[in-house]
């Protein structure tokens, strides 16, 4: 063997050995999943034993946010941010050319490939890049949501009439193809884990459930666990949200058409009971995946992330969708566990769910790329810093802006110059708007000034100064 060949052999074997020593990364991703609907987060009704166990063996973030959306399909913006690492309006700029970003290597999965990982994906993608090429192996790449039917909207009627069933396969949706899509994700994941156990390379698994998005379908035995007449009606229930049209979440928005106007307590109970049922059904599938991880002997060397792309109103504030700035819709569950990380830790530091990408890159030994603006969670988890972001920004189209800081939230509806202010400590359900109180004027002005600074940081070009000149 020549000297050059010998050197190449040494470099190659060293690289392979280095890759083999790296930990695995398992990313579990849900859709439309509000932070509040997890047992570990204190929900008294929803049964999520596998997510609860994951919280016990890792760190549970109580205040993980989605930054917002340029689209009515909030998941599109959330997932583009997650996979490119860019803040919301910077991510919008590369959205239409996302596959070029992937080809250039500026995608989460591409960085993991370059770090020596065997990459795998199944489930919902909803990013305009080629998922089959973004991952070394993929299966059942799904679109934005399972097909909804006409019977799935505007239900149930005030007289109780309802022609739709969450458990009947004739309505398609999650049942299309003969097996519930959440079960397919689990089947796919288990198959890959069994294969990965025979390989030397570390793996990066991107497992994206379409659940718990509507149509909220699950087997009848899960539906039976949540009778509608015993399901909660949120304390902030409203028949209709007064600014729904101005905020871009009115009667014409697809998500808001799911229940009739005006909302009724019974309609909200029906939708929430089906929401809880599909949540528990997904939790069972997550349990199957985690059991397979243990059975294949890979659990001790695997970091696990669980989160969702955004939350969901599902009856809060007279709203059904996620196109709003209330906590039920912008906050998600976020669980992180892995070798050497604290167990049973509860972290109240405000973060963004898209911080998961930067965290995974750090675990994989990848230097943070210049374009990645979100930040690794590891310093927060390990107690090395107690502030991730000085304030949390939120946006929806040109219709809504939000800043959360120092225990208060400011919501703006710029098209009508509306201001709302909530004390999140005293009023976590955001039911008492303080904006009209004279003693809050200085606070509103200060938060608005901070929001203007955040706009520059995230690439937001919307001019708020004209609509809110009286507050500045």
Protein backbone atom coordinates (compact mmCIF):
# COMPACT_ATOMS: atom_id res chain seq x y z
CA UNK A 1 0.00 0.00 0.00
CA UNK A 2 1.41 3.41 -0.97
CA UNK A 3 1.90 6.20 1.54
CA UNK A 4 -1.03 8.18 0.07
CA UNK A 5 -3.29 5.14 0.13
CA UNK A 6 -2.28 4.40 3.71
CA UNK A 7 -3.06 7.97 4.74
CA UNK A 8 -6.47 7.84 3.03
CA UNK A 9 -7.23 4.55 4.80
CA UNK A 10 -6.36 6.05 8.19
CA UNK A 11 -8.53 9.13 7.55
CA UNK A 12 -11.43 7.01 6.34
CA UNK A 13 -11.38 4.58 9.26
CA UNK A 14 -10.97 7.45 11.73
CA UNK A 15 -13.98 9.21 10.21
CA UNK A 16 -16.09 6.05 10.34
CA UNK A 17 -15.10 5.40 13.93
CA UNK A 18 -15.96 8.99 14.84
CA UNK A 19 -19.37 8.69 13.20
CA UNK A 20 -20.07 5.38 14.93
CA UNK A 21 -19.38 6.99 18.32
CA UNK A 22 -21.91 9.75 17.81
CA UNK A 23 -25.29 9.48 19.55
CA UNK A 24 -28.50 8.78 17.68
CA UNK A 25 -31.18 11.46 17.36
CA UNK A 26 -34.90 10.66 17.32
CA UNK A 27 -37.22 13.54 16.48
CA UNK A 28 -40.95 13.05 17.12
CA UNK A 29 -43.12 15.75 15.59
CA UNK A 30 -46.88 16.31 16.01
CA UNK A 31 -49.23 18.70 14.23
CA UNK A 32 -51.77 21.13 15.76
CA UNK A 33 -50.80 20.03 19.29
CA UNK A 34 -51.31 22.62 22.03
CA UNK A 35 -48.94 22.51 24.99
CA UNK A 36 -51.86 22.24 27.42
CA UNK A 37 -53.11 18.87 26.14
CA UNK A 38 -50.44 16.64 27.68
CA UNK A 39 -50.81 14.92 31.02
CA UNK A 40 -47.34 16.05 32.10
CA UNK A 41 -48.38 19.66 31.49
CA UNK A 42 -51.23 19.29 33.95
CA UNK A 43 -54.20 18.46 31.77
CA UNK A 44 -56.70 16.61 33.98
CA UNK A 45 -58.41 14.65 31.21
CA UNK A 46 -56.02 13.72 28.39
CA UNK A 47 -54.26 10.38 28.86
CA UNK A 48 -50.68 10.52 27.51
CA UNK A 49 -48.61 8.05 29.56
CA UNK A 50 -45.79 7.70 27.02
CA UNK A 51 -45.24 11.43 26.64
CA UNK A 52 -45.51 11.76 30.42
CA UNK A 53 -42.77 9.15 30.83
CA UNK A 54 -40.62 10.96 28.27
CA UNK A 55 -41.03 14.12 30.35
CA UNK A 56 -39.92 12.26 33.47
CA UNK A 57 -36.74 11.02 31.83
CA UNK A 58 -35.81 14.38 30.36
CA UNK A 59 -36.49 18.11 30.37
CA UNK A 60 -39.95 19.56 29.85
CA UNK A 61 -40.09 23.08 28.45
CA UNK A 62 -43.21 24.90 29.60
CA UNK A 63 -42.92 27.90 27.26
CA UNK A 64 -41.93 26.74 23.78
CA UNK A 65 -43.31 28.93 20.99
CA UNK A 66 -43.80 28.95 17.26
CA UNK A 67 -42.60 32.26 15.83
CA UNK A 68 -45.51 32.73 13.43
CA UNK A 69 -46.51 32.36 9.81
CA UNK A 70 -46.71 34.11 6.45
CA UNK A 71 -49.36 31.55 5.45
CA UNK A 72 -52.78 30.43 6.60
CA UNK A 73 -51.18 26.99 6.72
CA UNK A 74 -49.11 27.82 9.80
CA UNK A 75 -47.39 24.43 9.62
CA UNK A 76 -45.69 25.43 6.34
CA UNK A 77 -43.89 28.34 7.97
CA UNK A 78 -43.12 26.42 11.14
CA UNK A 79 -41.56 23.50 9.26
CA UNK A 80 -39.59 25.74 6.92
CA UNK A 81 -38.12 27.53 9.93
CA UNK A 82 -37.36 24.20 11.58
CA UNK A 83 -35.55 22.71 8.61
CA UNK A 84 -33.66 25.83 7.48
CA UNK A 85 -32.92 27.32 10.90
CA UNK A 86 -34.07 30.78 9.81
CA UNK A 87 -36.39 33.18 11.63
CA UNK A 88 -39.87 33.49 10.17
CA UNK A 89 -39.54 36.26 7.56
CA UNK A 90 -36.04 35.14 6.56
CA UNK A 91 -37.46 31.63 6.11
CA UNK A 92 -40.21 33.01 3.90
CA UNK A 93 -37.56 34.36 1.51
CA UNK A 94 -36.16 30.86 0.88
CA UNK A 95 -39.49 29.02 1.03
CA UNK A 96 -40.16 28.92 -2.71
CA UNK A 97 -36.56 27.90 -3.43
CA UNK A 98 -36.34 25.43 -0.56
CA UNK A 99 -35.07 22.59 -2.74
CA UNK A 100 -32.16 24.77 -3.86
CA UNK A 101 -31.37 25.28 -0.19
CA UNK A 102 -31.44 21.53 0.29
CA UNK A 103 -29.18 20.91 -2.70
CA UNK A 104 -26.78 23.52 -1.30
CA UNK A 105 -26.66 21.56 1.97
CA UNK A 106 -28.46 24.19 4.03
CA UNK A 107 -31.11 21.85 5.43
CA UNK A 108 -31.23 20.11 8.81
CA UNK A 109 -31.13 16.64 7.27
CA UNK A 110 -28.28 17.55 4.92
CA UNK A 111 -26.12 18.69 7.82
CA UNK A 112 -26.84 15.41 9.58
CA UNK A 113 -25.83 13.45 6.47
CA UNK A 114 -22.57 15.39 6.26
CA UNK A 115 -21.92 14.55 9.93
CA UNK A 116 -22.07 10.83 9.13
CA UNK A 117 -25.68 10.12 10.08
CA UNK A 118 -28.02 7.65 8.42
CA UNK A 119 -31.08 9.84 7.92
CA UNK A 120 -34.68 8.66 7.88
CA UNK A 121 -38.03 10.34 7.46
CA UNK A 122 -41.67 9.29 7.45
CA UNK A 123 -44.93 11.23 7.72
CA UNK A 124 -45.83 14.84 7.13
CA UNK A 125 -43.27 16.98 5.33
CA UNK A 126 -45.06 20.11 3.95
CA UNK A 127 -41.87 21.86 2.88
CA UNK A 128 -41.30 22.53 -0.86
CA UNK A 129 -38.09 20.49 -0.98
CA UNK A 130 -37.73 16.89 -2.11
CA UNK A 131 -38.09 14.85 1.07
CA UNK A 132 -37.04 11.65 -0.71
CA UNK A 133 -33.71 13.30 -1.48
CA UNK A 134 -33.42 15.22 1.78
CA UNK A 135 -33.18 11.93 3.68
CA UNK A 136 -31.21 8.81 2.81
CA UNK A 137 -34.33 6.72 3.40
CA UNK A 138 -37.97 7.76 3.54
CA UNK A 139 -41.38 6.12 3.64
CA UNK A 140 -44.98 7.33 3.34
CA UNK A 141 -44.20 10.98 2.73
CA UNK A 142 -47.48 12.75 3.42
CA UNK A 143 -48.93 16.08 2.42
CA UNK A 144 -50.21 18.85 4.66
CA UNK A 145 -53.22 16.99 6.03
CA UNK A 146 -55.39 13.95 5.35
CA UNK A 147 -58.34 14.75 3.11
CA UNK A 148 -61.23 16.34 4.95
CA UNK A 149 -64.81 15.77 3.78
CA UNK A 150 -67.75 18.14 3.50
CA UNK A 151 -69.38 16.33 6.43
CA UNK A 152 -66.35 17.22 8.56
CA UNK A 153 -67.16 20.94 8.52
CA UNK A 154 -69.80 23.06 10.23
CA UNK A 155 -70.50 20.40 12.81
CA UNK A 156 -72.30 19.52 14.98
CA UNK A 157 -75.35 21.65 14.33
CA UNK A 158 -77.19 23.44 17.14
CA UNK A 159 -79.88 20.74 17.16
CA UNK A 160 -77.22 18.05 17.55
CA UNK A 161 -77.28 16.89 13.92
CA UNK A 162 -73.92 15.41 12.91
CA UNK A 163 -73.29 13.28 9.83
CA UNK A 164 -69.58 12.72 10.48
CA UNK A 165 -67.82 10.07 12.57
CA UNK A 166 -64.18 10.12 13.73
CA UNK A 167 -63.95 6.32 13.68
CA UNK A 168 -65.70 5.42 10.43
CA UNK A 169 -63.21 4.57 7.65
CA UNK A 170 -65.73 5.64 4.99
CA UNK A 171 -64.72 9.26 5.61
CA UNK A 172 -61.15 8.53 4.51
CA UNK A 173 -58.71 11.03 6.00
CA UNK A 174 -56.39 9.23 8.40
CA UNK A 175 -57.99 5.95 7.32
CA UNK A 176 -56.97 6.33 3.66
CA UNK A 177 -54.93 3.30 2.61
CA UNK A 178 -56.53 0.97 5.14
CA UNK A 179 -54.50 1.75 8.26
CA UNK A 180 -54.55 4.87 10.44
CA UNK A 181 -51.68 7.13 9.44
CA UNK A 182 -50.35 7.40 13.01
CA UNK A 183 -50.03 3.64 13.10
CA UNK A 184 -48.23 3.73 9.75
CA UNK A 185 -45.67 6.18 11.15
CA UNK A 186 -45.03 3.84 14.08
CA UNK A 187 -44.75 0.81 11.80
CA UNK A 188 -42.28 2.64 9.56
CA UNK A 189 -40.21 3.81 12.52
CA UNK A 190 -40.04 0.36 14.10
CA UNK A 191 -38.90 -1.14 10.81
CA UNK A 192 -36.11 1.40 10.49
CA UNK A 193 -35.00 0.94 14.11
CA UNK A 194 -34.65 -2.79 13.55
CA UNK A 195 -32.50 -2.13 10.49
CA UNK A 196 -30.46 0.59 12.19
CA UNK A 197 -29.57 -1.75 15.05
CA UNK A 198 -27.56 -3.83 12.58
CA UNK A 199 -25.61 -0.85 11.23
CA UNK A 200 -22.55 0.99 12.53
CA UNK A 201 -23.69 4.49 11.59
CA UNK A 202 -25.63 6.70 14.01
CA UNK A 203 -29.14 7.59 12.88
CA UNK A 204 -31.25 10.72 12.64
CA UNK A 205 -34.96 9.92 12.51
CA UNK A 206 -37.52 12.59 11.56
CA UNK A 207 -40.90 11.08 12.46
CA UNK A 208 -43.68 13.53 11.62
CA UNK A 209 -47.22 12.60 12.57
CA UNK A 210 -50.09 14.25 10.71
CA UNK A 211 -51.95 13.81 13.99
CA UNK A 212 -53.41 15.58 15.80
CA UNK A 213 -54.58 17.76 12.89
CA UNK A 214 -58.15 17.49 11.66
CA UNK A 215 -59.90 15.40 10.54
CA UNK A 216 -59.39 14.25 14.12
CA UNK A 217 -59.95 10.53 13.62
CA UNK A 218 -59.13 7.56 15.80
CA UNK A 219 -60.46 4.04 16.48
CA UNK A 220 -63.78 3.84 18.29
CA UNK A 221 -62.30 2.56 21.54
CA UNK A 222 -60.28 5.78 21.81
CA UNK A 223 -63.32 7.91 20.93
CA UNK A 224 -65.29 6.12 23.67
CA UNK A 225 -62.74 7.21 26.29
CA UNK A 226 -63.77 10.86 25.86
CA UNK A 227 -67.57 11.22 25.88
CA UNK A 228 -68.51 14.66 24.60
CA UNK A 229 -70.89 15.38 27.48
CA UNK A 230 -68.04 14.85 29.95
CA UNK A 231 -65.48 16.89 28.00
CA UNK A 232 -64.43 20.34 29.18
CA UNK A 233 -65.48 23.67 27.70
CA UNK A 234 -62.59 26.14 28.06
CA UNK A 235 -63.09 28.92 30.60
CA UNK A 236 -62.36 31.46 27.85
CA UNK A 237 -65.18 30.12 25.64
CA UNK A 238 -66.84 32.71 23.40
CA UNK A 239 -69.64 32.24 20.87
CA UNK A 240 -67.62 34.38 18.44
CA UNK A 241 -64.30 36.20 18.63
CA UNK A 242 -65.03 39.92 18.13
CA UNK A 243 -62.00 40.72 15.95
CA UNK A 244 -62.02 37.47 13.99
CA UNK A 245 -62.25 39.10 10.54
CA UNK A 246 -59.69 41.83 11.22
CA UNK A 247 -57.19 39.28 12.53
CA UNK A 248 -57.53 37.04 9.47
CA UNK A 249 -59.26 34.18 11.27
CA UNK A 250 -62.83 34.80 10.25
CA UNK A 251 -65.67 32.79 8.78
CA UNK A 252 -63.83 32.21 5.50
CA UNK A 253 -60.77 30.56 7.05
CA UNK A 254 -60.76 26.78 6.57
CA UNK A 255 -59.91 25.94 10.19
CA UNK A 256 -62.67 28.15 11.52
CA UNK A 257 -65.30 26.44 9.33
CA UNK A 258 -64.96 23.20 11.30
CA UNK A 259 -67.57 24.30 13.87
CA UNK A 260 -70.70 26.38 13.30
CA UNK A 261 -71.03 30.09 14.07
CA UNK A 262 -71.90 31.05 16.69
CA UNK A 263 -69.99 28.44 18.67
CA UNK A 264 -71.94 26.41 21.19
CA UNK A 265 -70.60 24.63 24.26
CA UNK A 266 -71.80 21.31 22.83
CA UNK A 267 -69.95 21.81 19.53
CA UNK A 268 -66.76 22.62 21.41
CA UNK A 269 -67.18 19.55 23.60
CA UNK A 270 -67.54 17.35 20.52
CA UNK A 271 -64.44 18.76 18.83
CA UNK A 272 -62.34 18.63 21.98
CA UNK A 273 -63.40 15.05 22.74
CA UNK A 274 -62.21 14.00 19.27
CA UNK A 275 -59.02 16.03 19.78
CA UNK A 276 -58.25 14.18 23.00
CA UNK A 277 -58.98 10.81 21.39
CA UNK A 278 -56.54 11.28 18.51
CA UNK A 279 -53.95 12.61 20.97
CA UNK A 280 -54.13 9.46 23.06
CA UNK A 281 -54.04 7.29 19.95
CA UNK A 282 -50.86 9.05 18.83
CA UNK A 283 -49.38 8.64 22.30
CA UNK A 284 -49.85 4.88 22.00
CA UNK A 285 -47.94 4.90 18.71
CA UNK A 286 -45.14 6.92 20.30
CA UNK A 287 -45.01 4.28 23.03
CA UNK A 288 -44.56 1.59 20.39
CA UNK A 289 -41.65 3.52 18.88
CA UNK A 290 -39.97 4.06 22.24
CA UNK A 291 -40.42 0.39 23.12
CA UNK A 292 -38.74 -0.58 19.83
CA UNK A 293 -35.88 1.79 20.57
CA UNK A 294 -35.28 -0.05 23.84
CA UNK A 295 -35.82 -3.51 22.36
CA UNK A 296 -33.18 -2.87 19.70
CA UNK A 297 -30.66 -1.79 22.34
CA UNK A 298 -30.32 1.80 21.11
CA UNK A 299 -32.13 3.78 23.81
CA UNK A 300 -29.08 4.54 25.97
CA UNK A 301 -27.30 6.27 23.09
CA UNK A 302 -30.26 8.20 21.67
CA UNK A 303 -31.38 11.78 22.21
CA UNK A 304 -35.14 12.15 21.88
CA UNK A 305 -37.06 15.31 21.01
CA UNK A 306 -40.82 15.66 21.02
CA UNK A 307 -42.65 18.79 19.95
CA UNK A 308 -45.30 20.09 17.52
CA UNK A 309 -45.35 22.66 14.75
CA UNK A 310 -47.86 24.89 16.60
CA UNK A 311 -50.80 24.65 18.95
CA UNK A 312 -54.54 24.91 18.36
CA UNK A 313 -57.48 26.87 19.76
CA UNK A 314 -60.09 24.10 19.43
CA UNK A 315 -62.73 26.16 21.20
CA UNK A 316 -60.68 28.71 23.11
CA UNK A 317 -61.73 32.35 22.62
CA UNK A 318 -64.39 31.36 20.08
CA UNK A 319 -61.67 30.12 17.72
CA UNK A 320 -60.98 26.70 16.20
CA UNK A 321 -57.66 27.11 14.38
CA UNK A 322 -54.09 28.12 15.12
CA UNK A 323 -54.06 31.43 13.25
CA UNK A 324 -53.95 33.57 16.38
CA UNK A 325 -51.46 34.79 18.97
CA UNK A 326 -52.98 33.26 22.09
CA UNK A 327 -50.88 30.79 24.06
CA UNK A 328 -53.09 27.82 23.24
CA UNK A 329 -52.10 28.29 19.60
CA UNK A 330 -48.52 29.58 19.73
CA UNK A 331 -47.22 27.36 22.53
CA UNK A 332 -46.39 23.68 22.07
CA UNK A 333 -45.11 20.82 24.21
CA UNK A 334 -41.34 20.39 24.03
CA UNK A 335 -39.61 17.40 25.63
CA UNK A 336 -35.89 16.64 25.39
CA UNK A 337 -34.12 13.59 26.81
CA UNK A 338 -30.84 11.85 26.23
CA UNK A 339 -27.53 10.64 27.64
CA UNK A 340 -26.26 12.91 30.40
CA UNK A 341 -29.21 15.29 30.33
CA UNK A 342 -31.18 16.09 33.50
CA UNK A 343 -34.16 13.89 34.26
CA UNK A 344 -37.49 15.26 35.44
CA UNK A 345 -36.41 18.85 34.88
CA UNK A 346 -39.03 21.51 34.23
CA UNK A 347 -37.72 24.54 32.38
CA UNK A 348 -39.76 27.75 32.24
CA UNK A 349 -37.29 29.63 30.04
CA UNK A 350 -39.12 30.87 26.90
CA UNK A 351 -37.73 29.22 23.76
CA UNK A 352 -38.80 28.52 20.20
CA UNK A 353 -39.65 25.00 19.08
CA UNK A 354 -37.30 25.54 16.09
CA UNK A 355 -34.40 25.57 18.57
CA UNK A 356 -34.53 21.79 18.20
CA UNK A 357 -32.55 21.94 14.94
CA UNK A 358 -29.65 23.87 16.44
CA UNK A 359 -29.69 21.53 19.45
CA UNK A 360 -29.48 18.43 17.26
CA UNK A 361 -26.62 19.94 15.26
CA UNK A 362 -24.68 20.59 18.46
CA UNK A 363 -25.26 17.02 19.64
CA UNK A 364 -24.05 15.76 16.26
CA UNK A 365 -20.88 17.84 16.51
CA UNK A 366 -21.87 20.17 13.66
CA UNK A 367 -20.63 23.75 13.96
CA UNK A 368 -23.63 26.07 13.85
CA UNK A 369 -23.98 27.39 10.27
CA UNK A 370 -24.06 31.16 9.84
CA UNK A 371 -27.61 31.19 8.50
CA UNK A 372 -29.06 29.26 11.46
CA UNK A 373 -30.62 31.89 13.71
CA UNK A 374 -32.33 29.67 16.28
CA UNK A 375 -30.25 28.57 19.26
CA UNK A 376 -29.28 25.31 20.90
CA UNK A 377 -31.26 24.33 23.98
CA UNK A 378 -28.37 22.50 25.62
CA UNK A 379 -27.00 25.52 27.55
CA UNK A 380 -30.49 26.11 28.97
CA UNK A 381 -31.05 22.44 29.80
CA UNK A 382 -27.67 22.19 31.50
CA UNK A 383 -28.17 25.39 33.50
CA UNK A 384 -25.45 27.32 31.71
CA UNK A 385 -27.82 30.18 30.84
CA UNK A 386 -31.28 31.15 32.02
CA UNK A 387 -32.29 33.39 29.11
CA UNK A 388 -32.63 32.06 25.57
CA UNK A 389 -34.36 35.11 24.04
CA UNK A 390 -34.99 38.49 25.65
CA UNK A 391 -38.53 38.48 24.27
CA UNK A 392 -40.73 36.20 22.15
CA UNK A 393 -41.99 37.45 18.79
CA UNK A 394 -45.12 36.32 16.99
CA UNK A 395 -46.78 37.13 13.67
CA UNK A 396 -49.57 36.02 11.37
CA UNK A 397 -49.66 37.39 7.82
CA UNK A 398 -49.93 41.19 7.94
CA UNK A 399 -52.90 40.85 10.30
CA UNK A 400 -51.32 40.11 13.69
CA UNK A 401 -48.20 40.88 15.67
CA UNK A 402 -47.25 39.83 19.18
CA UNK A 403 -44.52 40.26 21.75
CA UNK A 404 -44.27 38.35 25.02
CA UNK A 405 -41.83 39.65 27.62
CA UNK A 406 -41.54 40.05 31.38
CA UNK A 407 -44.77 38.21 32.06
CA UNK A 408 -46.93 40.28 29.70
CA UNK A 409 -48.19 39.76 26.18
CA UNK A 410 -49.00 42.51 23.69
CA UNK A 411 -51.17 41.54 20.70
CA UNK A 412 -51.72 43.90 17.77
CA UNK A 413 -54.25 43.79 14.92
CA UNK A 414 -52.66 46.41 12.64
CA UNK A 415 -55.45 46.68 10.06
CA UNK A 416 -57.74 48.17 12.72
CA UNK A 417 -55.10 49.59 15.08
CA UNK A 418 -56.26 47.26 17.86
CA UNK A 419 -54.11 46.69 20.96
CA UNK A 420 -54.57 43.93 23.53
CA UNK A 421 -52.49 43.43 26.67
CA UNK A 422 -52.50 40.46 29.02
CA UNK A 423 -50.78 39.78 32.34
CA UNK A 424 -49.77 36.16 31.77
CA UNK A 425 -48.89 35.58 35.40
CA UNK A 426 -52.21 36.71 36.83
CA UNK A 427 -54.27 35.73 33.79
CA UNK A 428 -52.68 32.73 32.02
CA UNK A 429 -55.82 32.09 29.95
CA UNK A 430 -55.66 35.61 28.54
CA UNK A 431 -59.20 36.58 29.41
CA UNK A 432 -58.74 40.11 30.79
CA UNK A 433 -57.54 42.67 28.25
CA UNK A 434 -55.70 45.44 30.16
CA UNK A 435 -55.04 47.72 27.19
CA UNK A 436 -57.69 50.29 28.12
CA UNK A 437 -56.31 50.83 31.61
CA UNK A 438 -54.42 54.17 31.85
CA UNK A 439 -51.80 52.70 34.17
CA UNK A 440 -50.79 50.25 31.42
CA UNK A 441 -50.08 52.88 28.77
CA UNK A 442 -46.38 53.11 29.59
CA UNK A 443 -46.02 49.34 29.54
CA UNK A 444 -47.75 49.09 26.16
CA UNK A 445 -45.48 51.77 24.71
CA UNK A 446 -42.38 50.00 26.02
CA UNK A 447 -43.48 46.63 24.64
CA UNK A 448 -44.30 48.21 21.31
CA UNK A 449 -40.83 49.73 21.14
CA UNK A 450 -39.30 46.34 21.86
CA UNK A 451 -41.47 44.77 19.16
CA UNK A 452 -40.12 47.27 16.61
CA UNK A 453 -36.60 46.11 17.46
CA UNK A 454 -37.63 42.46 17.11
CA UNK A 455 -39.12 43.20 13.70
CA UNK A 456 -35.68 44.13 12.43
CA UNK A 457 -34.15 40.99 13.94
CA UNK A 458 -36.63 38.63 12.29
CA UNK A 459 -36.88 40.44 8.93
CA UNK A 460 -40.39 41.82 9.45
CA UNK A 461 -41.09 44.68 7.00
CA UNK A 462 -44.59 45.54 8.26
CA UNK A 463 -44.76 49.20 9.26
CA UNK A 464 -46.42 49.41 12.66
CA UNK A 465 -45.49 53.01 13.39
CA UNK A 466 -48.35 54.57 11.45
CA UNK A 467 -51.09 52.39 12.92
CA UNK A 468 -49.73 52.80 16.45
CA UNK A 469 -48.32 56.32 16.35
CA UNK A 470 -50.42 57.31 19.37
CA UNK A 471 -48.67 54.66 21.48
CA UNK A 472 -45.12 55.60 20.53
